[in-house]
Protein backbone atom coordinates (compact mmCIF):
# COMPACT_ATOMS: atom_id res chain seq x y z
CA MET A 1 -209.20 10.61 167.24
CA LYS A 2 -212.13 9.16 168.81
CA ALA A 3 -215.40 8.48 167.08
CA ASN A 4 -218.81 10.54 167.12
CA THR A 5 -216.20 13.03 168.93
CA THR A 6 -216.41 16.95 168.69
CA TYR A 7 -212.97 18.14 168.54
CA TYR A 8 -212.07 22.24 169.05
CA VAL A 9 -208.57 23.55 166.74
CA ARG A 10 -207.19 26.78 167.11
CA ALA A 11 -203.49 27.36 165.14
CA TYR A 12 -200.74 28.68 166.91
CA ALA A 13 -197.09 30.07 166.49
CA LYS A 14 -193.98 29.75 168.96
CA ILE A 15 -191.44 32.58 169.19
CA GLY A 16 -189.26 31.67 171.50
CA ASP A 17 -190.69 31.49 174.87
CA LYS A 18 -194.16 33.33 173.99
CA ILE A 19 -196.72 31.40 172.04
CA VAL A 20 -199.43 33.54 170.28
CA TYR A 21 -202.92 31.91 169.44
CA ALA A 22 -205.30 32.35 166.64
CA SER A 23 -208.08 34.45 167.30
CA ASN A 24 -210.19 31.89 166.34
CA GLU A 25 -211.50 28.61 166.54
CA VAL A 26 -212.59 25.84 164.31
CA SER A 27 -214.73 22.43 165.43
CA PHE A 28 -215.65 19.28 163.81
CA LYS A 29 -217.09 15.96 164.84
CA THR A 30 -216.23 12.34 163.92
CA LEU A 31 -218.35 10.23 162.82
CA ARG A 32 -218.54 6.32 161.63
CA LEU A 33 -215.21 4.56 161.77
CA PRO A 34 -214.70 2.17 158.86
CA SER A 35 -216.03 -1.65 159.96
CA ILE A 36 -213.29 -4.02 158.25
CA GLU A 37 -212.66 -7.81 159.13
CA THR A 38 -209.71 -9.93 158.39
CA PHE A 39 -210.45 -13.60 156.74
CA ALA A 40 -207.90 -16.36 156.98
CA SER A 41 -205.80 -17.13 154.21
CA GLN A 42 -206.52 -18.96 151.31
CA ASP A 43 -204.00 -20.57 148.59
CA VAL A 44 -200.89 -21.33 150.09
CA THR A 45 -198.14 -21.46 148.19
CA SER A 46 -194.63 -21.75 149.45
CA ASN A 47 -193.69 -18.05 148.93
CA SER A 48 -197.42 -15.99 148.90
CA ALA A 49 -201.22 -16.44 150.23
CA LYS A 50 -204.51 -14.85 149.58
CA ILE A 51 -205.85 -13.15 152.18
CA PHE A 52 -209.77 -11.90 152.01
CA VAL A 53 -210.85 -8.75 153.69
CA SER A 54 -214.60 -8.12 154.23
CA LEU A 55 -215.70 -3.87 154.25
CA SER A 56 -219.03 -3.62 155.85
CA ASP A 57 -218.91 0.06 156.30
CA LEU A 58 -216.95 2.51 155.02
CA GLY A 59 -217.29 5.22 157.69
CA ASN A 60 -218.22 9.07 157.38
CA PRO A 61 -215.95 10.70 156.73
CA PRO A 62 -215.32 7.34 153.86
CA ALA A 63 -212.00 5.19 153.94
CA ASN A 64 -210.28 6.01 150.64
CA THR A 65 -207.46 3.42 151.05
CA TYR A 66 -207.08 0.12 152.63
CA GLY A 67 -204.52 -2.77 153.28
CA ILE A 68 -202.50 -5.69 155.26
CA VAL A 69 -199.59 -5.83 157.31
CA TRP A 70 -198.17 -8.95 158.23
CA ALA A 71 -195.13 -10.09 160.38
CA THR A 72 -193.77 -13.25 162.17
CA THR A 73 -194.92 -12.18 165.22
CA PRO A 74 -198.73 -10.99 166.19
CA ASN A 75 -200.21 -7.70 166.07
CA PRO A 76 -198.43 -6.45 163.29
CA HIS A 77 -198.65 -2.85 162.75
CA LEU A 78 -197.92 -0.34 159.99
CA ALA A 79 -195.46 1.39 162.03
CA SER A 80 -193.55 -2.23 163.22
CA THR A 81 -193.38 -3.83 159.93
CA PRO A 82 -192.48 -3.52 156.19
CA ASN A 83 -194.52 -6.29 154.84
CA ARG A 84 -197.78 -4.14 153.79
CA THR A 85 -200.05 -3.98 150.76
CA THR A 86 -202.59 -1.32 149.86
CA GLY A 87 -204.85 -0.03 147.49
CA ASN A 88 -207.59 2.29 146.93
CA LEU A 89 -210.58 1.70 148.46
CA PRO A 90 -213.40 0.47 145.26
CA THR A 91 -216.64 0.11 147.53
CA MET A 92 -217.91 -2.04 150.39
CA GLY A 93 -217.79 -5.59 150.02
CA THR A 94 -214.99 -8.63 150.35
CA LEU A 95 -211.57 -8.21 148.73
CA GLN A 96 -208.93 -10.07 148.29
CA ILE A 97 -205.44 -9.02 148.32
CA GLU A 98 -202.35 -10.98 148.07
CA MET A 99 -198.95 -11.51 150.23
CA SER A 100 -196.01 -12.04 148.49
CA ASN A 101 -192.45 -12.87 148.88
CA LEU A 102 -193.21 -14.93 151.87
CA GLN A 103 -190.32 -17.13 153.79
CA LEU A 104 -190.66 -21.03 153.11
CA ASN A 105 -191.89 -22.58 156.18
CA THR A 106 -192.98 -19.75 158.22
CA THR A 107 -195.99 -18.52 160.07
CA TYR A 108 -197.43 -15.17 159.64
C-alpha cells in the first residue's frame, strides 16, 4: 500500500462463475510509514555481530514490531531469507539487535 492514499474496499463471494458483491463499501486512508535506518555493524565476533537500527517515526498507524534480515547476497527480504531477528517495538530511538549463528569469515 502507498502512504497517504485512500483505498476503497468491498467484500465479495464467488460461487462458480457468479460473483456477489457486498452492497456497501468502506474506505480508509493510509498515513505515514515508519522511518527506519540501519547502521553499520559493531562488536563483530567469529559468529555474531550487533546492528544498530534508528527509528525516528513509528508511522501512523504505528508499527508494533521491528526486525532485521540478513543474507550473504545483497538486498535481503523476509521472503528470501530465513535469517531474521524480530521483536516488539518499544519506542522510537536507536535499537541494538544481535545477529547470531553467523559463519566464520563470511560477508553478510
